Amino acid sequence: MKTRVLIVEDEDRLRRVLELQLRSAGFDADLAGSAEEALKLTDRANLILTDLRLPGMDGLELLSLIRRQNTQTPVIVMTAFGTIETAVAAMKAGAADFLLKPFSLDHLMTVVRKALAFRALEDENRQLREELGRRYQFENIIGRSPPMQEIFATVMRVAPTRATVLLAGESGVGKDLIARAIHYHSPRRDRPFVKINCTALPENLMESELFGYDKGAFTGAVSSKPGKFEHADTGTAFLDEIGDVPPTIQVKLLRVLQEREFERLGSNKTRHIDVRIVAATNQDLRAALEQGTFREDLYYRLNVVPINIPPLRERREDIPFLAEHFVEKLARASGSRADSITDAAIEKLMSYHWPGNVRELENVIERSLVLCSGGRLDAADIRLEASPRARQPAAEAFLPEGMTLDEYEQALIREALRRAEGNKSQAARLLGLTRNALRYRLSQMGLESG
C-alpha cells in the first residue's frame, strides 16, 4: 500500500501543488482546507502536513488534538510566519519537523522522507523491544492464572522505576526469575545483575563479600577486593533470602538503601553507588520483626513494592502450561523419545500437592522424560515422590500430654540440635527456621553463647 499523506492547507492553489508533487513521488494524498475537516481524516494518514495558520482551529491546536489521541503519526508544520518561538512551540507540541514558506518542492520531499524514515525506525525499535520483552518476560515464567497475570502487570509497572521490591514466596516459586524480569524491563537492563544468596554466605564472611575489603583489612587480605555491591553499581542487586542476614549486616544494608553509600572492610573511605535493590524471602519477615531478629526500619525500606508469589498448589490452572513448556524445553536435552504429554499425565500432576513448587515440577518432568520409553509422557511415566506429605488430621495436632507450648518448642529445638550434632545452621534448616530465628529462640532458652 502507498504511504498516505494528509495535506491541511486553506490556500487552494498551494494545496493542489502539494498534492501533485506528493502523488508524482508515489504517495497517496488526502486534502483538507481546515483543521476541523482534517480531524475526520487523521486516522488513515501515515503523515500529516499542516499549515499553522488555518481558519477556525489553527495548526498547533490540531497538532495537540492529534497527540492527545495517542497517535504516533508524524506531523510536519508549515508557516510563512516563521519565528524561533513558533518553531519551538510546534516542536514541543510534538511536530516531527518545521517548514518555512516559501520552500522548494525538493526540500519538502527531503523533510517528508526524513520524517517517514524516522517513524519507521521508531516502529522497528519498538517492535524489537516488545519481542525481546515477550521473549524474556515470559519465556521461563509461565502463568495464565489471575494471580500470575497480576504479578506480570506489577512487574511491568514497577520495572521502569528504581523502587525497591520485596519478593515473597515459598522455595521454588520462581522469585529469581521475577527478579531478573524486573531488571530486564528496567532502564538498567544493559547494566550488571548481581545475585547475592544470603543463605550461602557464611556469617563471618558476609560483610567482606557484600562490601569488599581493603588490603590489610585482615590476615590474608594481600590486596583490595570490591564487594558484590560495587559489582552491581549502576545495575541491580538481588538479595535472595534476605531473612538470613544477621543484625550487624542489616545495619549496613539499611545505609545502602537510605544513603546509597558504604565503606569497605578496613577502609574509612565512603563509597557511593547507584544500585537498584530487589530482595526475596521464603520466610515470614513480619514474624521476624515480632521476634526482634529483623530490623523494622530495614523491613519498611525493603517492602516499598511487595510482590507475593503464590505457591503452585494455589494456581493449579498453570500446571498444564508449565508441564508442556518443560516437556518442550527438556525433551531434546534429556535425549528422550517423548515430545508431548497426555491429558492423563496432566491430571496426575494436577492432583499432586507440589511442596517444591515450580522447581519440583521441572525436576519431575525431567526425571520422567529420562525414564520414559514411549513417544508421549503418560500418567504411568510421571515419577512423583513416593510418599507425599499429607496434612495431619486436626485431632492429631494437639500438644503431647502434659507439655506446654514453650516446653514442646524447646524439646523440638534440642532434638534438632542433637540430630545436627550442634550445628546451628543445620538445626535451623531441620526446623524450617532462619539462623537468626533459631538464635533468638536459643537466647530465650539461655542456650545462645553468641
Protein backbone atom coordinates (compact mmCIF):
# COMPACT_ATOMS: atom_id res chain seq x y z
CA MET A 1 0.00 0.00 0.00
CA LYS A 2 1.13 3.54 -0.79
CA THR A 3 2.04 5.90 2.02
CA ARG A 4 -0.85 8.33 2.57
CA VAL A 5 -0.20 11.99 3.37
CA LEU A 6 -2.91 14.28 4.73
CA ILE A 7 -2.43 17.86 3.45
CA VAL A 8 -4.09 20.52 5.64
CA GLU A 9 -3.87 23.88 3.82
CA ASP A 10 -6.55 26.54 3.36
CA GLU A 11 -4.99 28.03 0.20
CA ASP A 12 -6.44 26.06 -2.73
CA ARG A 13 -3.57 26.63 -5.15
CA LEU A 14 -0.81 25.56 -2.73
CA ARG A 15 -2.87 22.57 -1.60
CA ARG A 16 -3.15 21.44 -5.23
CA VAL A 17 0.62 21.94 -5.86
CA LEU A 18 1.49 19.86 -2.79
CA GLU A 19 -0.94 17.12 -3.85
CA LEU A 20 0.55 16.89 -7.37
CA GLN A 21 4.11 16.80 -6.01
CA LEU A 22 3.37 14.04 -3.49
CA ARG A 23 1.39 11.94 -5.97
CA SER A 24 4.17 12.25 -8.56
CA ALA A 25 6.59 10.98 -5.90
CA GLY A 26 4.48 7.86 -5.35
CA PHE A 27 2.36 8.91 -2.36
CA ASP A 28 -1.40 8.95 -1.92
CA ALA A 29 -2.89 12.22 -0.65
CA ASP A 30 -5.98 13.36 1.26
CA LEU A 31 -6.86 17.07 1.25
CA ALA A 32 -8.41 19.27 3.94
CA GLY A 33 -8.97 23.03 3.93
CA SER A 34 -9.36 23.31 7.73
CA ALA A 35 -8.32 21.58 10.95
CA GLU A 36 -11.92 20.55 11.63
CA GLU A 37 -12.10 18.84 8.24
CA ALA A 38 -8.68 17.23 8.80
CA LEU A 39 -9.72 15.59 12.09
CA LYS A 40 -12.09 13.33 10.13
CA LEU A 41 -9.16 12.03 8.04
CA THR A 42 -6.27 11.69 10.54
CA ASP A 43 -6.91 8.02 11.37
CA ARG A 44 -5.93 6.91 7.83
CA ALA A 45 -2.90 9.16 7.39
CA ASN A 46 0.71 7.93 7.59
CA LEU A 47 1.95 11.54 7.73
CA ILE A 48 0.22 14.90 8.19
CA LEU A 49 1.43 18.11 6.50
CA THR A 50 -0.38 21.11 8.00
CA ASP A 51 -0.24 24.88 7.82
CA LEU A 52 -0.07 26.65 11.17
CA ARG A 53 -2.46 29.45 10.17
CA LEU A 54 -5.84 27.99 9.37
CA PRO A 55 -9.41 29.29 9.52
CA GLY A 56 -11.00 28.38 12.85
CA MET A 57 -8.76 25.96 14.75
CA ASP A 58 -5.07 26.61 13.99
CA GLY A 59 -2.33 24.09 13.22
CA LEU A 60 -0.93 23.97 16.76
CA GLU A 61 -4.35 23.13 18.20
CA LEU A 62 -4.74 20.43 15.54
CA LEU A 63 -1.33 19.02 16.47
CA SER A 64 -2.24 18.96 20.16
CA LEU A 65 -5.51 17.11 19.45
CA ILE A 66 -3.68 14.54 17.31
CA ARG A 67 -1.19 13.89 20.11
CA ARG A 68 -3.99 13.59 22.67
CA GLN A 69 -5.41 10.78 20.58
CA ASN A 70 -2.13 9.00 21.38
CA THR A 71 -1.27 8.55 17.71
CA GLN A 72 2.39 8.49 16.64
CA THR A 73 1.64 9.79 13.12
CA PRO A 74 4.41 12.27 12.22
CA VAL A 75 3.22 15.85 11.68
CA ILE A 76 5.15 18.45 9.65
CA VAL A 77 4.03 22.06 10.17
CA MET A 78 4.30 24.85 7.56
CA THR A 79 4.14 28.58 8.06
CA ALA A 80 5.06 31.82 6.34
CA PHE A 81 5.38 33.47 9.74
CA GLY A 82 8.48 31.65 10.87
CA THR A 83 9.93 32.68 14.17
CA ILE A 84 12.04 30.74 16.63
CA GLU A 85 9.18 30.91 19.15
CA THR A 86 6.72 29.39 16.68
CA ALA A 87 9.15 26.61 15.75
CA VAL A 88 9.84 25.80 19.41
CA ALA A 89 6.11 25.72 20.20
CA ALA A 90 5.45 23.36 17.29
CA MET A 91 8.28 21.01 18.22
CA LYS A 92 7.23 21.00 21.88
CA ALA A 93 3.71 20.08 20.81
CA GLY A 94 5.13 17.04 19.01
CA ALA A 95 5.86 18.15 15.44
CA ALA A 96 8.29 15.94 13.53
CA ASP A 97 9.70 18.88 11.56
CA PHE A 98 9.10 22.52 10.54
CA LEU A 99 8.93 24.13 7.06
CA LEU A 100 9.18 27.87 6.42
CA LYS A 101 7.27 29.20 3.44
CA PRO A 102 8.28 29.61 0.71
CA PHE A 103 10.09 26.28 0.43
CA SER A 104 11.25 24.30 -2.58
CA LEU A 105 9.49 21.09 -3.53
CA ASP A 106 12.82 19.27 -3.27
CA HIS A 107 13.19 20.47 0.32
CA LEU A 108 9.61 19.42 1.02
CA MET A 109 10.30 15.86 -0.20
CA THR A 110 13.53 15.67 1.82
CA VAL A 111 11.65 16.62 5.02
CA VAL A 112 8.76 14.23 4.27
CA ARG A 113 11.05 11.26 3.60
CA LYS A 114 13.15 12.03 6.68
CA ALA A 115 10.04 12.11 8.91
CA LEU A 116 8.73 8.84 7.48
CA ALA A 117 12.13 7.14 7.79
CA PHE A 118 12.41 8.22 11.43
CA ARG A 119 8.89 6.95 12.14
CA ALA A 120 9.73 3.59 10.53
CA LEU A 121 12.86 3.32 12.64
CA GLU A 122 10.89 4.08 15.82
CA ASP A 123 8.30 1.44 14.89
CA GLU A 124 11.03 -1.12 14.23
CA ASN A 125 12.78 -0.37 17.55
CA ARG A 126 9.51 -0.56 19.47
CA GLN A 127 8.64 -3.88 17.82
CA LEU A 128 12.08 -5.29 18.64
CA ARG A 129 11.80 -4.15 22.27
CA GLU A 130 8.36 -5.74 22.56
CA GLU A 131 9.58 -9.00 21.03
CA LEU A 132 12.61 -9.11 23.33
CA GLY A 133 10.39 -8.27 26.26
CA ARG A 134 7.98 -11.09 25.47
CA ARG A 135 10.88 -13.45 24.96
CA TYR A 136 12.22 -13.00 28.47
CA GLN A 137 9.06 -11.87 30.11
CA PHE A 138 7.62 -14.84 29.97
CA GLU A 139 9.69 -17.45 28.24
CA ASN A 140 10.55 -19.07 31.57
CA ILE A 141 7.78 -17.56 33.68
CA ILE A 142 4.64 -19.39 32.65
CA GLY A 143 1.46 -18.16 34.26
CA ARG A 144 -2.00 -17.69 32.84
CA SER A 145 -3.75 -17.74 36.21
CA PRO A 146 -5.16 -14.43 37.51
CA PRO A 147 -2.57 -14.20 40.36
CA MET A 148 0.35 -14.59 37.94
CA GLN A 149 -1.15 -12.16 35.42
CA GLU A 150 -1.42 -9.64 38.24
CA ILE A 151 2.25 -10.24 39.10
CA PHE A 152 3.27 -9.74 35.46
CA ALA A 153 1.34 -6.46 35.36
CA THR A 154 3.06 -5.31 38.57
CA VAL A 155 6.48 -6.22 37.13
CA MET A 156 5.80 -4.11 34.04
CA ARG A 157 4.66 -1.15 36.17
CA VAL A 158 7.49 -1.26 38.71
CA ALA A 159 10.40 -2.23 36.41
CA PRO A 160 10.94 1.24 34.84
CA THR A 161 11.25 2.82 38.31
CA ARG A 162 14.08 2.48 40.83
CA ALA A 163 11.71 1.42 43.62
CA THR A 164 12.94 -1.36 45.92
CA VAL A 165 10.96 -4.60 45.52
CA LEU A 166 10.44 -7.38 48.08
CA LEU A 167 9.52 -10.76 46.60
CA ALA A 168 7.90 -13.22 48.99
CA GLY A 169 7.07 -16.85 48.33
CA GLU A 170 7.99 -20.43 49.07
CA SER A 171 11.15 -22.01 47.71
CA GLY A 172 10.80 -22.94 44.06
CA VAL A 173 8.03 -20.49 43.07
CA GLY A 174 10.32 -18.50 40.74
CA LYS A 175 11.48 -15.49 42.76
CA ASP A 176 14.81 -15.46 40.89
CA LEU A 177 13.04 -15.29 37.50
CA ILE A 178 10.74 -12.49 38.64
CA ALA A 179 13.76 -10.52 39.91
CA ARG A 180 15.50 -10.94 36.54
CA ALA A 181 12.33 -9.89 34.70
CA ILE A 182 12.21 -6.69 36.78
CA HIS A 183 15.85 -5.97 35.89
CA TYR A 184 15.40 -6.85 32.21
CA HIS A 185 12.45 -4.49 31.78
CA SER A 186 14.17 -1.62 33.59
CA PRO A 187 16.42 1.13 32.18
CA ARG A 188 19.28 -0.83 33.82
CA ARG A 189 18.80 -3.86 31.53
CA ASP A 190 22.25 -3.41 29.98
CA ARG A 191 23.95 -2.98 33.36
CA PRO A 192 25.01 -5.71 35.84
CA PHE A 193 22.53 -8.02 37.56
CA VAL A 194 24.25 -9.44 40.67
CA LYS A 195 22.55 -12.19 42.65
CA ILE A 196 23.55 -12.43 46.30
CA ASN A 197 22.45 -15.61 48.06
CA CYS A 198 22.43 -14.54 51.71
CA THR A 199 21.99 -18.13 52.95
CA ALA A 200 25.11 -19.32 51.10
CA LEU A 201 27.37 -16.64 52.62
CA PRO A 202 28.97 -17.64 55.95
CA GLU A 203 28.18 -15.05 58.59
CA ASN A 204 31.84 -14.23 59.28
CA LEU A 205 32.48 -13.57 55.56
CA MET A 206 29.24 -11.80 54.69
CA GLU A 207 30.47 -8.24 55.31
CA SER A 208 33.59 -8.62 53.16
CA GLU A 209 31.62 -10.39 50.39
CA LEU A 210 28.94 -7.71 50.24
CA PHE A 211 31.01 -4.59 50.78
CA GLY A 212 34.53 -5.69 49.84
CA TYR A 213 37.74 -5.08 51.78
CA ASP A 214 40.97 -3.12 51.55
CA LYS A 215 44.46 -4.55 51.58
CA GLY A 216 45.48 -5.45 55.14
CA ALA A 217 41.93 -5.43 56.50
CA PHE A 218 42.54 -8.89 57.97
CA THR A 219 45.09 -11.68 57.85
CA GLY A 220 45.33 -12.90 54.27
CA ALA A 221 43.99 -9.69 52.69
CA VAL A 222 47.05 -9.21 50.48
CA SER A 223 45.14 -6.98 48.05
CA SER A 224 41.95 -4.96 47.93
CA LYS A 225 38.78 -6.56 46.64
CA PRO A 226 35.50 -4.92 45.65
CA GLY A 227 32.33 -6.44 47.08
CA LYS A 228 29.16 -7.52 45.35
CA PHE A 229 27.51 -4.12 45.74
CA GLU A 230 30.36 -2.48 43.83
CA HIS A 231 30.00 -5.10 41.10
CA ALA A 232 26.29 -4.21 40.90
CA ASP A 233 26.92 -0.44 40.61
CA THR A 234 24.53 1.18 38.06
CA GLY A 235 22.66 -2.14 37.88
CA THR A 236 20.52 -4.33 40.13
CA ALA A 237 21.48 -6.27 43.26
CA PHE A 238 19.22 -9.25 44.01
CA LEU A 239 19.36 -10.16 47.71
CA ASP A 240 17.99 -13.70 47.90
CA GLU A 241 16.83 -14.99 51.31
CA ILE A 242 17.18 -11.58 52.94
CA GLY A 243 15.74 -13.01 56.17
CA ASP A 244 19.05 -14.81 56.84
CA VAL A 245 21.08 -11.59 57.08
CA PRO A 246 22.45 -11.14 60.65
CA PRO A 247 21.67 -7.92 62.59
CA THR A 248 25.18 -6.44 62.18
CA ILE A 249 24.88 -6.60 58.39
CA GLN A 250 21.27 -5.38 58.45
CA VAL A 251 22.51 -2.01 59.73
CA LYS A 252 24.91 -1.67 56.78
CA LEU A 253 22.24 -2.73 54.29
CA LEU A 254 19.94 -0.06 55.68
CA ARG A 255 22.61 2.55 55.00
CA VAL A 256 23.00 1.33 51.40
CA LEU A 257 19.24 1.64 50.90
CA GLN A 258 18.94 5.05 52.58
CA GLU A 259 22.17 6.81 51.66
CA ARG A 260 23.49 4.74 48.72
CA GLU A 261 26.89 4.57 50.43
CA PHE A 262 29.13 2.22 52.42
CA GLU A 263 32.76 1.58 53.38
CA ARG A 264 34.83 -1.45 52.53
CA LEU A 265 36.04 -3.58 55.44
CA GLY A 266 39.22 -1.98 56.78
CA SER A 267 38.65 1.34 55.00
CA ASN A 268 37.49 4.79 56.10
CA LYS A 269 36.71 5.91 52.54
CA THR A 270 33.00 6.27 51.88
CA ARG A 271 31.95 4.86 48.51
CA HIS A 272 28.78 5.95 46.71
CA ILE A 273 26.87 3.57 44.47
CA ASP A 274 23.76 3.62 42.31
CA VAL A 275 22.14 0.21 42.83
CA ARG A 276 18.53 -0.88 42.50
CA ILE A 277 17.68 -3.43 45.22
CA VAL A 278 15.37 -6.40 44.71
CA ALA A 279 15.12 -8.68 47.77
CA ALA A 280 13.46 -12.06 48.24
CA THR A 281 12.47 -14.23 51.16
CA ASN A 282 10.66 -17.50 51.82
CA GLN A 283 10.28 -16.55 55.49
CA ASP A 284 7.61 -14.51 57.24
CA LEU A 285 9.53 -11.29 57.89
CA ARG A 286 6.68 -9.89 59.98
CA ALA A 287 7.17 -12.77 62.42
CA ALA A 288 10.89 -11.99 62.44
CA LEU A 289 10.02 -8.38 63.33
CA GLU A 290 7.98 -9.57 66.32
CA GLN A 291 10.84 -11.83 67.40
CA GLY A 292 13.32 -8.98 67.12
CA THR A 293 15.54 -10.81 64.61
CA PHE A 294 14.86 -8.42 61.71
CA ARG A 295 15.08 -4.65 61.88
CA GLU A 296 11.78 -2.85 61.43
CA ASP A 297 13.34 0.12 59.61
CA LEU A 298 15.10 -2.21 57.14
CA TYR A 299 11.88 -4.13 56.55
CA TYR A 300 9.97 -1.00 55.57
CA ARG A 301 12.83 0.15 53.33
CA LEU A 302 12.74 -3.19 51.53
CA ASN A 303 8.97 -3.50 51.41
CA VAL A 304 8.34 -0.49 49.15
CA VAL A 305 6.74 -2.67 46.45
CA PRO A 306 5.81 -6.11 47.84
CA ILE A 307 5.11 -8.93 45.37
CA ASN A 308 3.76 -12.15 46.86
CA ILE A 309 4.24 -15.13 44.54
CA PRO A 310 1.64 -17.85 45.21
CA PRO A 311 2.69 -21.50 45.57
CA LEU A 312 1.91 -23.83 42.67
CA ARG A 313 -0.86 -25.60 44.60
CA GLU A 314 -2.76 -22.27 44.67
CA ARG A 315 -2.57 -21.79 40.89
CA ARG A 316 -3.13 -25.29 39.57
CA GLU A 317 -4.54 -23.92 36.30
CA ASP A 318 -0.93 -23.07 35.36
CA ILE A 319 0.27 -26.69 35.71
CA PRO A 320 -0.77 -27.85 32.17
CA PHE A 321 1.06 -24.90 30.55
CA LEU A 322 4.12 -25.36 32.76
CA ALA A 323 4.23 -29.09 32.07
CA GLU A 324 4.01 -28.59 28.29
CA HIS A 325 6.69 -25.89 28.48
CA PHE A 326 9.08 -28.13 30.42
CA VAL A 327 8.49 -31.10 28.10
CA GLU A 328 9.33 -28.91 25.11
CA LYS A 329 12.33 -27.39 26.88
CA LEU A 330 13.82 -30.59 28.31
CA ALA A 331 12.92 -33.38 25.86
CA ARG A 332 15.83 -32.87 23.47
CA ALA A 333 18.38 -32.12 26.19
CA SER A 334 17.44 -35.30 28.09
CA GLY A 335 17.63 -37.47 24.96
CA SER A 336 14.05 -38.59 25.49
CA ARG A 337 11.86 -40.03 22.72
CA ALA A 338 8.85 -38.30 24.30
CA ASP A 339 7.99 -34.88 22.93
CA SER A 340 4.49 -34.35 24.36
CA ILE A 341 2.37 -35.13 27.42
CA THR A 342 -1.05 -36.81 27.73
CA ASP A 343 -4.15 -35.47 29.48
CA ALA A 344 -3.92 -38.33 31.97
CA ALA A 345 -0.39 -37.29 32.92
CA ILE A 346 -1.57 -33.68 33.33
CA GLU A 347 -4.37 -34.84 35.64
CA LYS A 348 -1.87 -36.75 37.75
CA LEU A 349 0.34 -33.68 38.01
CA MET A 350 -2.61 -31.50 39.00
CA SER A 351 -3.61 -33.85 41.82
CA TYR A 352 -0.19 -33.60 43.50
CA HIS A 353 0.45 -31.02 46.26
CA TRP A 354 3.87 -29.70 44.98
CA PRO A 355 5.78 -28.82 48.16
CA GLY A 356 8.74 -27.85 45.94
CA ASN A 357 6.59 -25.74 43.61
CA VAL A 358 7.65 -24.97 40.01
CA ARG A 359 11.23 -26.12 40.59
CA GLU A 360 9.96 -29.52 41.74
CA LEU A 361 7.62 -29.74 38.75
CA GLU A 362 10.53 -29.11 36.38
CA ASN A 363 12.60 -31.80 38.11
CA VAL A 364 9.72 -34.29 37.93
CA ILE A 365 9.24 -33.64 34.20
CA GLU A 366 12.97 -34.06 33.55
CA ARG A 367 13.15 -37.32 35.56
CA SER A 368 10.04 -38.65 33.82
CA LEU A 369 11.43 -37.81 30.37
CA VAL A 370 14.69 -39.59 31.11
CA LEU A 371 12.90 -42.76 32.21
CA CYS A 372 10.09 -42.67 29.63
CA SER A 373 10.33 -45.19 26.77
CA GLY A 374 7.38 -44.02 24.67
CA GLY A 375 6.74 -41.04 22.43
CA ARG A 376 4.45 -39.28 24.93
CA LEU A 377 4.62 -38.81 28.70
CA ASP A 378 1.70 -40.71 30.18
CA ALA A 379 0.43 -40.92 33.76
CA ALA A 380 2.48 -44.08 34.39
CA ASP A 381 5.65 -42.22 33.34
CA ILE A 382 5.22 -39.41 35.87
CA ARG A 383 7.60 -40.15 38.76
CA LEU A 384 6.36 -38.29 41.83
CA GLU A 385 7.61 -38.55 45.41
CA ALA A 386 6.70 -41.97 46.78
CA SER A 387 5.13 -40.62 49.96
CA PRO A 388 3.90 -37.07 49.51
CA ARG A 389 3.49 -35.25 52.76
CA ALA A 390 -0.10 -35.21 53.86
CA ARG A 391 -1.56 -32.84 56.38
CA GLN A 392 -2.22 -34.29 59.79
CA PRO A 393 -5.84 -34.51 60.86
CA ALA A 394 -6.81 -31.80 63.29
CA ALA A 395 -7.31 -34.40 66.04
CA GLU A 396 -3.60 -35.29 65.91
CA ALA A 397 -2.32 -31.71 66.04
CA PHE A 398 -2.60 -31.19 69.83
CA LEU A 399 0.45 -30.88 72.09
CA PRO A 400 1.82 -34.01 73.78
CA GLU A 401 0.03 -34.65 77.01
CA GLY A 402 1.42 -32.74 79.97
CA MET A 403 3.55 -30.30 77.90
CA THR A 404 3.10 -26.58 77.40
CA LEU A 405 3.74 -24.95 74.03
CA ASP A 406 7.05 -23.49 75.26
CA GLU A 407 8.19 -26.87 76.60
CA TYR A 408 7.27 -28.61 73.35
CA GLU A 409 9.11 -25.99 71.26
CA GLN A 410 12.23 -26.28 73.42
CA ALA A 411 12.14 -30.07 73.14
CA LEU A 412 11.97 -29.79 69.33
CA ILE A 413 14.91 -27.36 69.27
CA ARG A 414 17.03 -29.63 71.50
CA GLU A 415 16.21 -32.62 69.29
CA ALA A 416 17.15 -30.67 66.15
CA LEU A 417 20.48 -29.66 67.73
CA ARG A 418 21.12 -33.27 68.72
CA ARG A 419 20.44 -34.54 65.19
CA ALA A 420 22.59 -31.75 63.72
CA GLU A 421 25.39 -32.56 66.20
CA GLY A 422 25.32 -28.97 67.49
CA ASN A 423 25.47 -27.32 64.03
CA LYS A 424 23.03 -24.42 64.40
CA SER A 425 22.66 -23.73 60.69
CA GLN A 426 21.74 -27.35 60.03
CA ALA A 427 19.41 -27.41 63.06
CA ALA A 428 17.68 -24.27 61.73
CA ARG A 429 17.09 -25.99 58.39
CA LEU A 430 15.62 -29.03 60.14
CA LEU A 431 13.20 -26.75 61.99
CA GLY A 432 12.35 -24.64 58.94
CA LEU A 433 13.78 -21.52 60.62
CA THR A 434 16.36 -18.93 59.66
CA ARG A 435 19.63 -18.86 61.59
CA ASN A 436 18.56 -15.59 63.21
CA ALA A 437 15.20 -17.00 64.30
CA LEU A 438 16.91 -20.05 65.87
CA ARG A 439 19.46 -17.80 67.55
CA TYR A 440 16.63 -15.76 69.07
CA ARG A 441 14.89 -18.86 70.41
CA LEU A 442 18.12 -20.22 71.86
CA SER A 443 18.74 -16.90 73.63
CA GLN A 444 15.25 -17.14 75.13
CA MET A 445 16.17 -20.62 76.34
CA GLY A 446 19.51 -19.38 77.72
CA LEU A 447 21.43 -21.60 75.30
CA GLU A 448 22.84 -18.99 72.86
CA SER A 449 26.52 -18.40 73.53
CA GLY A 450 26.91 -15.63 70.92
